[in-house]
Amino acid sequence: MIEHIQWNEATKTRLNELRDKMLPFAVIMKLPRNKFTAHNDLNTILQRSILGVFDKPDDTDYFDTLQEFTSVALGDRFLFGDLVRNDVEFFMTAFDRGRIKRI
């Protein structure tokens, strides 16, 4: 997105800074996402192995930075609304039900 849209220099610089700030967390979470959530890897589920860990504030920092990135890209303040929270709660409920059934 950063490379394929014509941004003014200040905006492009800020988007790169924000991307660089988000990247470490995204890298840590890529394997668990791919192995468990995105592909529903049965062997991984059955082994109950820990696929990734992060310090508690890292997830909040990531989404705060993502919100800022989106605001800069849109040129207007972007807020994650209540619907996003509802989607996350629905996903986590379904995720926990599936995990508990397998235990």
PDB file of N, CA and C in Angstrom:
ATOM      1  N   MET A   1       0.817  -1.188   0.000  1.00  0.00           N
ATOM      2  CA  MET A   1       0.000   0.000   0.000  1.00  0.00           C
ATOM      3  C   MET A   1       0.864   1.258   0.000  1.00  0.00           C
ATOM      4  N   ILE A   2       1.897   1.227   0.802  1.00  0.00           N
ATOM      5  CA  ILE A   2       2.768   2.403   0.891  1.00  0.00           C
ATOM      6  C   ILE A   2       3.478   2.645  -0.432  1.00  0.00           C
ATOM      7  N   GLU A   3       3.900   1.568  -1.066  1.00  0.00           N
ATOM      8  CA  GLU A   3       4.683   1.697  -2.292  1.00  0.00           C
ATOM      9  C   GLU A   3       3.832   1.925  -3.535  1.00  0.00           C
ATOM     10  N   HIS A   4       2.571   1.591  -3.516  1.00  0.00           N
ATOM     11  CA  HIS A   4       1.755   1.625  -4.723  1.00  0.00           C
ATOM     12  C   HIS A   4       0.816   2.824  -4.817  1.00  0.00           C
ATOM     13  N   ILE A   5       0.823   3.665  -3.826  1.00  0.00           N
ATOM     14  CA  ILE A   5      -0.004   4.874  -3.849  1.00  0.00           C
ATOM     15  C   ILE A   5       0.925   6.077  -3.826  1.00  0.00           C
ATOM     16  N   GLN A   6       0.564   7.108  -4.551  1.00  0.00           N
ATOM     17  CA  GLN A   6       1.364   8.334  -4.594  1.00  0.00           C
ATOM     18  C   GLN A   6       1.084   9.168  -3.344  1.00  0.00           C
ATOM     19  N   TRP A   7       1.938   9.055  -2.340  1.00  0.00           N
ATOM     20  CA  TRP A   7       1.812   9.834  -1.106  1.00  0.00           C
ATOM     21  C   TRP A   7       2.721  11.038  -1.196  1.00  0.00           C
ATOM     22  N   ASN A   8       2.368  12.110  -0.485  1.00  0.00           N
ATOM     23  CA  ASN A   8       3.348  13.178  -0.353  1.00  0.00           C
ATOM     24  C   ASN A   8       4.462  12.647   0.553  1.00  0.00           C
ATOM     25  N   GLU A   9       5.606  13.279   0.507  1.00  0.00           N
ATOM     26  CA  GLU A   9       6.785  12.753   1.198  1.00  0.00           C
ATOM     27  C   GLU A   9       6.579  12.617   2.705  1.00  0.00           C
ATOM     28  N   ALA A  10       5.947  13.589   3.331  1.00  0.00           N
ATOM     29  CA  ALA A  10       5.719  13.538   4.784  1.00  0.00           C
ATOM     30  C   ALA A  10       4.795  12.372   5.155  1.00  0.00           C
ATOM     31  N   THR A  11       3.745  12.172   4.388  1.00  0.00           N
ATOM     32  CA  THR A  11       2.813  11.078   4.672  1.00  0.00           C
ATOM     33  C   THR A  11       3.498   9.731   4.466  1.00  0.00           C
ATOM     34  N   LYS A  12       4.237   9.597   3.382  1.00  0.00           N
ATOM     35  CA  LYS A  12       4.932   8.339   3.110  1.00  0.00           C
ATOM     36  C   LYS A  12       5.947   8.028   4.205  1.00  0.00           C
ATOM     37  N   THR A  13       6.657   9.040   4.663  1.00  0.00           N
ATOM     38  CA  THR A  13       7.629   8.849   5.743  1.00  0.00           C
ATOM     39  C   THR A  13       6.930   8.377   7.012  1.00  0.00           C
ATOM     40  N   ARG A  14       5.808   9.013   7.353  1.00  0.00           N
ATOM     41  CA  ARG A  14       5.073   8.628   8.572  1.00  0.00           C
ATOM     42  C   ARG A  14       4.502   7.217   8.452  1.00  0.00           C
ATOM     43  N   LEU A  15       3.949   6.872   7.297  1.00  0.00           N
ATOM     44  CA  LEU A  15       3.418   5.514   7.100  1.00  0.00           C
ATOM     45  C   LEU A  15       4.520   4.466   7.225  1.00  0.00           C
ATOM     46  N   ASN A  16       5.694   4.759   6.688  1.00  0.00           N
ATOM     47  CA  ASN A  16       6.824   3.834   6.837  1.00  0.00           C
ATOM     48  C   ASN A  16       7.232   3.677   8.292  1.00  0.00           C
ATOM     49  N   GLU A  17       7.251   4.789   9.039  1.00  0.00           N
ATOM     50  CA  GLU A  17       7.591   4.723  10.465  1.00  0.00           C
ATOM     51  C   GLU A  17       6.587   3.852  11.217  1.00  0.00           C
ATOM     52  N   LEU A  18       5.311   4.051  10.937  1.00  0.00           N
ATOM     53  CA  LEU A  18       4.267   3.276  11.620  1.00  0.00           C
ATOM     54  C   LEU A  18       4.332   1.803  11.227  1.00  0.00           C
ATOM     55  N   ARG A  19       4.562   1.528   9.945  1.00  0.00           N
ATOM     56  CA  ARG A  19       4.707   0.140   9.500  1.00  0.00           C
ATOM     57  C   ARG A  19       5.883  -0.523  10.211  1.00  0.00           C
ATOM     58  N   ASP A  20       7.003   0.172  10.285  1.00  0.00           N
ATOM     59  CA  ASP A  20       8.184  -0.379  10.954  1.00  0.00           C
ATOM     60  C   ASP A  20       7.917  -0.651  12.430  1.00  0.00           C
ATOM     61  N   LYS A  21       7.086   0.171  13.052  1.00  0.00           N
ATOM     62  CA  LYS A  21       6.736  -0.026  14.458  1.00  0.00           C
ATOM     63  C   LYS A  21       5.826  -1.256  14.631  1.00  0.00           C
ATOM     64  N   MET A  22       4.946  -1.528  13.663  1.00  0.00           N
ATOM     65  CA  MET A  22       4.030  -2.664  13.753  1.00  0.00           C
ATOM     66  C   MET A  22       4.676  -3.985  13.350  1.00  0.00           C
ATOM     67  N   LEU A  23       5.688  -3.932  12.527  1.00  0.00           N
ATOM     68  CA  LEU A  23       6.258  -5.129  11.932  1.00  0.00           C
ATOM     69  C   LEU A  23       6.729  -6.190  12.931  1.00  0.00           C
ATOM     70  N   PRO A  24       7.439  -5.846  14.009  1.00  0.00           N
ATOM     71  CA  PRO A  24       7.891  -6.902  14.930  1.00  0.00           C
ATOM     72  C   PRO A  24       6.744  -7.735  15.500  1.00  0.00           C
ATOM     73  N   PHE A  25       5.650  -7.095  15.884  1.00  0.00           N
ATOM     74  CA  PHE A  25       4.506  -7.842  16.417  1.00  0.00           C
ATOM     75  C   PHE A  25       3.873  -8.692  15.321  1.00  0.00           C
ATOM     76  N   ALA A  26       3.744  -8.142  14.132  1.00  0.00           N
ATOM     77  CA  ALA A  26       3.146  -8.883  13.014  1.00  0.00           C
ATOM     78  C   ALA A  26       3.977 -10.132  12.694  1.00  0.00           C
ATOM     79  N   VAL A  27       5.287 -10.021  12.736  1.00  0.00           N
ATOM     80  CA  VAL A  27       6.164 -11.165  12.467  1.00  0.00           C
ATOM     81  C   VAL A  27       5.967 -12.248  13.522  1.00  0.00           C
ATOM     82  N   ILE A  28       5.891 -11.840  14.795  1.00  0.00           N
ATOM     83  CA  ILE A  28       5.692 -12.802  15.883  1.00  0.00           C
ATOM     84  C   ILE A  28       4.364 -13.541  15.722  1.00  0.00           C
ATOM     85  N   MET A  29       3.338 -12.852  15.290  1.00  0.00           N
ATOM     86  CA  MET A  29       2.005 -13.442  15.215  1.00  0.00           C
ATOM     87  C   MET A  29       1.720 -14.164  13.896  1.00  0.00           C
ATOM     88  N   LYS A  30       2.594 -14.069  12.923  1.00  0.00           N
ATOM     89  CA  LYS A  30       2.329 -14.680  11.617  1.00  0.00           C
ATOM     90  C   LYS A  30       2.261 -16.206  11.698  1.00  0.00           C
ATOM     91  N   LEU A  31       3.214 -16.848  12.350  1.00  0.00           N
ATOM     92  CA  LEU A  31       3.212 -18.305  12.458  1.00  0.00           C
ATOM     93  C   LEU A  31       1.966 -18.816  13.182  1.00  0.00           C
ATOM     94  N   PRO A  32       1.647 -18.289  14.376  1.00  0.00           N
ATOM     95  CA  PRO A  32       0.419 -18.782  15.031  1.00  0.00           C
ATOM     96  C   PRO A  32      -0.823 -18.566  14.169  1.00  0.00           C
ATOM     97  N   ARG A  33      -0.899 -17.428  13.535  1.00  0.00           N
ATOM     98  CA  ARG A  33      -2.061 -17.162  12.677  1.00  0.00           C
ATOM     99  C   ARG A  33      -2.134 -18.176  11.554  1.00  0.00           C
ATOM    100  N   ASN A  34      -1.030 -18.420  10.895  1.00  0.00           N
ATOM    101  CA  ASN A  34      -1.025 -19.356   9.782  1.00  0.00           C
ATOM    102  C   ASN A  34      -1.277 -20.793  10.229  1.00  0.00           C
ATOM    103  N   LYS A  35      -0.655 -21.193  11.309  1.00  0.00           N
ATOM    104  CA  LYS A  35      -0.760 -22.580  11.755  1.00  0.00           C
ATOM    105  C   LYS A  35      -2.109 -22.897  12.377  1.00  0.00           C
ATOM    106  N   PHE A  36      -2.688 -21.973  13.080  1.00  0.00           N
ATOM    107  CA  PHE A  36      -3.881 -22.297  13.867  1.00  0.00           C
ATOM    108  C   PHE A  36      -5.145 -21.631  13.347  1.00  0.00           C
ATOM    109  N   THR A  37      -5.143 -20.334  13.311  1.00  0.00           N
ATOM    110  CA  THR A  37      -6.370 -19.611  12.984  1.00  0.00           C
ATOM    111  C   THR A  37      -6.706 -19.664  11.498  1.00  0.00           C
ATOM    112  N   ALA A  38      -5.777 -19.283  10.663  1.00  0.00           N
ATOM    113  CA  ALA A  38      -6.079 -19.166   9.241  1.00  0.00           C
ATOM    114  C   ALA A  38      -6.279 -20.516   8.566  1.00  0.00           C
ATOM    115  N   HIS A  39      -5.476 -21.489   8.936  1.00  0.00           N
ATOM    116  CA  HIS A  39      -5.545 -22.773   8.250  1.00  0.00           C
ATOM    117  C   HIS A  39      -6.163 -23.876   9.093  1.00  0.00           C
ATOM    118  N   ASN A  40      -6.479 -23.595  10.335  1.00  0.00           N
ATOM    119  CA  ASN A  40      -7.101 -24.577  11.227  1.00  0.00           C
ATOM    120  C   ASN A  40      -6.325 -25.900  11.182  1.00  0.00           C
ATOM    121  N   ASP A  41      -5.053 -25.838  11.478  1.00  0.00           N
ATOM    122  CA  ASP A  41      -4.137 -26.974  11.406  1.00  0.00           C
ATOM    123  C   ASP A  41      -4.442 -27.973  12.523  1.00  0.00           C
ATOM    124  N   LEU A  42      -5.064 -29.098  12.182  1.00  0.00           N
ATOM    125  CA  LEU A  42      -5.505 -30.085  13.162  1.00  0.00           C
ATOM    126  C   LEU A  42      -4.349 -30.628  13.987  1.00  0.00           C
ATOM    127  N   ASN A  43      -3.217 -30.941  13.359  1.00  0.00           N
ATOM    128  CA  ASN A  43      -2.073 -31.465  14.119  1.00  0.00           C
ATOM    129  C   ASN A  43      -1.591 -30.468  15.165  1.00  0.00           C
ATOM    130  N   THR A  44      -1.579 -29.212  14.815  1.00  0.00           N
ATOM    131  CA  THR A  44      -1.164 -28.177  15.765  1.00  0.00           C
ATOM    132  C   THR A  44      -2.147 -28.108  16.925  1.00  0.00           C
ATOM    133  N   ILE A  45      -3.432 -28.185  16.624  1.00  0.00           N
ATOM    134  CA  ILE A  45      -4.454 -28.143  17.668  1.00  0.00           C
ATOM    135  C   ILE A  45      -4.301 -29.339  18.603  1.00  0.00           C
ATOM    136  N   LEU A  46      -4.129 -30.529  18.044  1.00  0.00           N
ATOM    137  CA  LEU A  46      -4.036 -31.748  18.853  1.00  0.00           C
ATOM    138  C   LEU A  46      -2.783 -31.778  19.713  1.00  0.00           C
ATOM    139  N   GLN A  47      -1.692 -31.195  19.221  1.00  0.00           N
ATOM    140  CA  GLN A  47      -0.445 -31.170  19.990  1.00  0.00           C
ATOM    141  C   GLN A  47      -0.481 -30.150  21.123  1.00  0.00           C
ATOM    142  N   ARG A  48      -1.408 -29.208  21.040  1.00  0.00           N
ATOM    143  CA  ARG A  48      -1.545 -28.152  22.053  1.00  0.00           C
ATOM    144  C   ARG A  48      -0.230 -27.416  22.307  1.00  0.00           C
ATOM    145  N   SER A  49       0.551 -27.253  21.276  1.00  0.00           N
ATOM    146  CA  SER A  49       1.824 -26.570  21.457  1.00  0.00           C
ATOM    147  C   SER A  49       1.612 -25.058  21.458  1.00  0.00           C
ATOM    148  N   ILE A  50       2.503 -24.374  22.150  1.00  0.00           N
ATOM    149  CA  ILE A  50       2.480 -22.917  22.178  1.00  0.00           C
ATOM    150  C   ILE A  50       3.154 -22.430  20.906  1.00  0.00           C
ATOM    151  N   LEU A  51       2.430 -21.643  20.140  1.00  0.00           N
ATOM    152  CA  LEU A  51       2.934 -21.216  18.841  1.00  0.00           C
ATOM    153  C   LEU A  51       3.587 -19.845  18.871  1.00  0.00           C
ATOM    154  N   GLY A  52       3.254 -19.053  19.843  1.00  0.00           N
ATOM    155  CA  GLY A  52       3.825 -17.716  19.918  1.00  0.00           C
ATOM    156  C   GLY A  52       3.421 -17.054  21.210  1.00  0.00           C
ATOM    157  N   VAL A  53       4.238 -16.157  21.668  1.00  0.00           N
ATOM    158  CA  VAL A  53       3.941 -15.399  22.883  1.00  0.00           C
ATOM    159  C   VAL A  53       4.356 -13.950  22.664  1.00  0.00           C
ATOM    160  N   PHE A  54       3.732 -13.062  23.414  1.00  0.00           N
ATOM    161  CA  PHE A  54       4.116 -11.661  23.364  1.00  0.00           C
ATOM    162  C   PHE A  54       3.805 -11.041  24.710  1.00  0.00           C
ATOM    163  N   ASP A  55       4.484  -9.945  24.999  1.00  0.00           N
ATOM    164  CA  ASP A  55       4.216  -9.213  26.226  1.00  0.00           C
ATOM    165  C   ASP A  55       2.851  -8.558  26.116  1.00  0.00           C
ATOM    166  N   LYS A  56       2.138  -8.492  27.205  1.00  0.00           N
ATOM    167  CA  LYS A  56       0.753  -8.034  27.208  1.00  0.00           C
ATOM    168  C   LYS A  56       0.529  -6.698  26.496  1.00  0.00           C
ATOM    169  N   PRO A  57       1.319  -5.668  26.705  1.00  0.00           N
ATOM    170  CA  PRO A  57       0.977  -4.410  26.021  1.00  0.00           C
ATOM    171  C   PRO A  57       1.263  -4.421  24.523  1.00  0.00           C
ATOM    172  N   ASP A  58       1.983  -5.433  24.018  1.00  0.00           N
ATOM    173  CA  ASP A  58       2.360  -5.427  22.607  1.00  0.00           C
ATOM    174  C   ASP A  58       1.150  -5.463  21.678  1.00  0.00           C
ATOM    175  N   ASP A  59       0.117  -6.222  22.042  1.00  0.00           N
ATOM    176  CA  ASP A  59      -1.060  -6.288  21.173  1.00  0.00           C
ATOM    177  C   ASP A  59      -1.805  -4.958  21.153  1.00  0.00           C
ATOM    178  N   THR A  60      -1.938  -4.339  22.299  1.00  0.00           N
ATOM    179  CA  THR A  60      -2.607  -3.036  22.379  1.00  0.00           C
ATOM    180  C   THR A  60      -1.815  -1.993  21.608  1.00  0.00           C
ATOM    181  N   ASP A  61      -0.496  -1.994  21.779  1.00  0.00           N
ATOM    182  CA  ASP A  61       0.359  -1.056  21.045  1.00  0.00           C
ATOM    183  C   ASP A  61       0.216  -1.257  19.540  1.00  0.00           C
ATOM    184  N   TYR A  62       0.167  -2.512  19.108  1.00  0.00           N
ATOM    185  CA  TYR A  62       0.023  -2.815  17.679  1.00  0.00           C
ATOM    186  C   TYR A  62      -1.267  -2.203  17.129  1.00  0.00           C
ATOM    187  N   PHE A  63      -2.377  -2.425  17.811  1.00  0.00           N
ATOM    188  CA  PHE A  63      -3.646  -1.931  17.291  1.00  0.00           C
ATOM    189  C   PHE A  63      -3.777  -0.415  17.417  1.00  0.00           C
ATOM    190  N   ASP A  64      -3.164   0.178  18.421  1.00  0.00           N
ATOM    191  CA  ASP A  64      -3.117   1.643  18.495  1.00  0.00           C
ATOM    192  C   ASP A  64      -2.346   2.206  17.297  1.00  0.00           C
ATOM    193  N   THR A  65      -1.223   1.561  16.969  1.00  0.00           N
ATOM    194  CA  THR A  65      -0.414   2.002  15.839  1.00  0.00           C
ATOM    195  C   THR A  65      -1.155   1.752  14.524  1.00  0.00           C
ATOM    196  N   LEU A  66      -1.844   0.629  14.419  1.00  0.00           N
ATOM    197  CA  LEU A  66      -2.642   0.346  13.216  1.00  0.00           C
ATOM    198  C   LEU A  66      -3.734   1.394  13.028  1.00  0.00           C
ATOM    199  N   GLN A  67      -4.352   1.809  14.126  1.00  0.00           N
ATOM    200  CA  GLN A  67      -5.374   2.852  14.044  1.00  0.00           C
ATOM    201  C   GLN A  67      -4.767   4.163  13.555  1.00  0.00           C
ATOM    202  N   GLU A  68      -3.580   4.498  14.059  1.00  0.00           N
ATOM    203  CA  GLU A  68      -2.906   5.712  13.604  1.00  0.00           C
ATOM    204  C   GLU A  68      -2.506   5.595  12.131  1.00  0.00           C
ATOM    205  N   PHE A  69      -1.982   4.429  11.740  1.00  0.00           N
ATOM    206  CA  PHE A  69      -1.612   4.190  10.343  1.00  0.00           C
ATOM    207  C   PHE A  69      -2.818   4.412   9.432  1.00  0.00           C
ATOM    208  N   THR A  70      -3.941   3.853   9.804  1.00  0.00           N
ATOM    209  CA  THR A  70      -5.161   3.980   9.011  1.00  0.00           C
ATOM    210  C   THR A  70      -5.611   5.432   8.941  1.00  0.00           C
ATOM    211  N   SER A  71      -5.517   6.138  10.050  1.00  0.00           N
ATOM    212  CA  SER A  71      -5.883   7.551  10.062  1.00  0.00           C
ATOM    213  C   SER A  71      -5.002   8.367   9.123  1.00  0.00           C
ATOM    214  N   VAL A  72      -3.703   8.110   9.149  1.00  0.00           N
ATOM    215  CA  VAL A  72      -2.781   8.828   8.262  1.00  0.00           C
ATOM    216  C   VAL A  72      -3.091   8.491   6.804  1.00  0.00           C
ATOM    217  N   ALA A  73      -3.315   7.204   6.516  1.00  0.00           N
ATOM    218  CA  ALA A  73      -3.584   6.786   5.136  1.00  0.00           C
ATOM    219  C   ALA A  73      -4.890   7.370   4.615  1.00  0.00           C
ATOM    220  N   LEU A  74      -5.903   7.446   5.459  1.00  0.00           N
ATOM    221  CA  LEU A  74      -7.196   7.985   5.036  1.00  0.00           C
ATOM    222  C   LEU A  74      -7.231   9.512   5.033  1.00  0.00           C
ATOM    223  N   GLY A  75      -6.294  10.110   5.761  1.00  0.00           N
ATOM    224  CA  GLY A  75      -6.290  11.557   5.869  1.00  0.00           C
ATOM    225  C   GLY A  75      -7.373  12.071   6.797  1.00  0.00           C
ATOM    226  N   ASP A  76      -7.897  11.188   7.627  1.00  0.00           N
ATOM    227  CA  ASP A  76      -8.960  11.537   8.570  1.00  0.00           C
ATOM    228  C   ASP A  76      -8.856  10.588   9.753  1.00  0.00           C
ATOM    229  N   ARG A  77      -9.339  11.024  10.897  1.00  0.00           N
ATOM    230  CA  ARG A  77      -9.270  10.199  12.108  1.00  0.00           C
ATOM    231  C   ARG A  77     -10.084   8.929  11.923  1.00  0.00           C
ATOM    232  N   PHE A  78      -9.425   7.788  12.085  1.00  0.00           N
ATOM    233  CA  PHE A  78     -10.086   6.492  11.997  1.00  0.00           C
ATOM    234  C   PHE A  78     -10.153   5.887  13.382  1.00  0.00           C
ATOM    235  N   LEU A  79     -11.315   5.446  13.779  1.00  0.00           N
ATOM    236  CA  LEU A  79     -11.494   4.799  15.077  1.00  0.00           C
ATOM    237  C   LEU A  79     -12.063   3.410  14.866  1.00  0.00           C
ATOM    238  N   PHE A  80     -11.495   2.443  15.588  1.00  0.00           N
ATOM    239  CA  PHE A  80     -12.124   1.135  15.598  1.00  0.00           C
ATOM    240  C   PHE A  80     -13.414   1.298  16.382  1.00  0.00           C
ATOM    241  N   GLY A  81     -14.523   0.969  15.785  1.00  0.00           N
ATOM    242  CA  GLY A  81     -15.814   1.162  16.425  1.00  0.00           C
ATOM    243  C   GLY A  81     -16.255  -0.049  17.224  1.00  0.00           C
ATOM    244  N   ASP A  82     -17.438   0.051  17.779  1.00  0.00           N
ATOM    245  CA  ASP A  82     -18.012  -1.034  18.572  1.00  0.00           C
ATOM    246  C   ASP A  82     -18.195  -2.299  17.749  1.00  0.00           C
ATOM    247  N   LEU A  83     -18.426  -2.157  16.449  1.00  0.00           N
ATOM    248  CA  LEU A  83     -18.626  -3.346  15.622  1.00  0.00           C
ATOM    249  C   LEU A  83     -17.366  -4.193  15.569  1.00  0.00           C
ATOM    250  N   VAL A  84     -16.204  -3.564  15.566  1.00  0.00           N
ATOM    251  CA  VAL A  84     -14.957  -4.322  15.590  1.00  0.00           C
ATOM    252  C   VAL A  84     -14.859  -5.086  16.899  1.00  0.00           C
ATOM    253  N   ARG A  85     -15.186  -4.439  17.998  1.00  0.00           N
ATOM    254  CA  ARG A  85     -15.153  -5.103  19.303  1.00  0.00           C
ATOM    255  C   ARG A  85     -16.109  -6.302  19.299  1.00  0.00           C
ATOM    256  N   ASN A  86     -17.297  -6.136  18.715  1.00  0.00           N
ATOM    257  CA  ASN A  86     -18.249  -7.241  18.645  1.00  0.00           C
ATOM    258  C   ASN A  86     -17.695  -8.386  17.809  1.00  0.00           C
ATOM    259  N   ASP A  87     -17.051  -8.068  16.696  1.00  0.00           N
ATOM    260  CA  ASP A  87     -16.454  -9.111  15.853  1.00  0.00           C
ATOM    261  C   ASP A  87     -15.384  -9.886  16.621  1.00  0.00           C
ATOM    262  N   VAL A  88     -14.552  -9.163  17.362  1.00  0.00           N
ATOM    263  CA  VAL A  88     -13.491  -9.818  18.137  1.00  0.00           C
ATOM    264  C   VAL A  88     -14.103 -10.698  19.217  1.00  0.00           C
ATOM    265  N   GLU A  89     -15.109 -10.204  19.928  1.00  0.00           N
ATOM    266  CA  GLU A  89     -15.760 -11.006  20.968  1.00  0.00           C
ATOM    267  C   GLU A  89     -16.403 -12.259  20.373  1.00  0.00           C
ATOM    268  N   PHE A  90     -17.056 -12.124  19.223  1.00  0.00           N
ATOM    269  CA  PHE A  90     -17.674 -13.275  18.567  1.00  0.00           C
ATOM    270  C   PHE A  90     -16.607 -14.299  18.177  1.00  0.00           C
ATOM    271  N   PHE A  91     -15.510 -13.815  17.581  1.00  0.00           N
ATOM    272  CA  PHE A  91     -14.427 -14.700  17.176  1.00  0.00           C
ATOM    273  C   PHE A  91     -13.840 -15.432  18.382  1.00  0.00           C
ATOM    274  N   MET A  92     -13.559 -14.697  19.457  1.00  0.00           N
ATOM    275  CA  MET A  92     -12.943 -15.316  20.631  1.00  0.00           C
ATOM    276  C   MET A  92     -13.879 -16.329  21.279  1.00  0.00           C
ATOM    277  N   THR A  93     -15.170 -16.051  21.299  1.00  0.00           N
ATOM    278  CA  THR A  93     -16.137 -17.012  21.849  1.00  0.00           C
ATOM    279  C   THR A  93     -16.121 -18.300  21.028  1.00  0.00           C
ATOM    280  N   ALA A  94     -16.173 -18.173  19.709  1.00  0.00           N
ATOM    281  CA  ALA A  94     -16.128 -19.349  18.835  1.00  0.00           C
ATOM    282  C   ALA A  94     -14.795 -20.078  18.972  1.00  0.00           C
ATOM    283  N   PHE A  95     -13.717 -19.326  19.057  1.00  0.00           N
ATOM    284  CA  PHE A  95     -12.385 -19.907  19.212  1.00  0.00           C
ATOM    285  C   PHE A  95     -12.308 -20.708  20.506  1.00  0.00           C
ATOM    286  N   ASP A  96     -12.759 -20.118  21.614  1.00  0.00           N
ATOM    287  CA  ASP A  96     -12.720 -20.804  22.907  1.00  0.00           C
ATOM    288  C   ASP A  96     -13.605 -22.044  22.920  1.00  0.00           C
ATOM    289  N   ARG A  97     -14.774 -21.968  22.308  1.00  0.00           N
ATOM    290  CA  ARG A  97     -15.649 -23.150  22.245  1.00  0.00           C
ATOM    291  C   ARG A  97     -14.960 -24.296  21.517  1.00  0.00           C
ATOM    292  N   GLY A  98     -14.315 -23.985  20.410  1.00  0.00           N
ATOM    293  CA  GLY A  98     -13.600 -25.010  19.660  1.00  0.00           C
ATOM    294  C   GLY A  98     -12.423 -25.582  20.438  1.00  0.00           C
ATOM    295  N   ARG A  99     -11.719 -24.705  21.136  1.00  0.00           N
ATOM    296  CA  ARG A  99     -10.558 -25.149  21.927  1.00  0.00           C
ATOM    297  C   ARG A  99     -11.005 -26.020  23.075  1.00  0.00           C
ATOM    298  N   ILE A 100     -12.067 -25.641  23.764  1.00  0.00           N
ATOM    299  CA  ILE A 100     -12.557 -26.390  24.925  1.00  0.00           C
ATOM    300  C   ILE A 100     -13.078 -27.754  24.486  1.00  0.00           C
ATOM    301  N   LYS A 101     -13.758 -27.845  23.364  1.00  0.00           N
ATOM    302  CA  LYS A 101     -14.267 -29.125  22.871  1.00  0.00           C
ATOM    303  C   LYS A 101     -13.142 -30.095  22.562  1.00  0.00           C
ATOM    304  N   ARG A 102     -11.970 -29.579  22.170  1.00  0.00           N
ATOM    305  CA  ARG A 102     -10.853 -30.439  21.801  1.00  0.00           C
ATOM    306  C   ARG A 102     -10.042 -30.884  23.012  1.00  0.00           C
ATOM    307  N   ILE A 103     -10.237 -30.239  24.141  1.00  0.00           N
ATOM    308  CA  ILE A 103      -9.422 -30.559  25.343  1.00  0.00           C
ATOM    309  C   ILE A 103      -9.954 -31.765  26.045  1.00  0.00           C
TER     310      ILE A 103
END
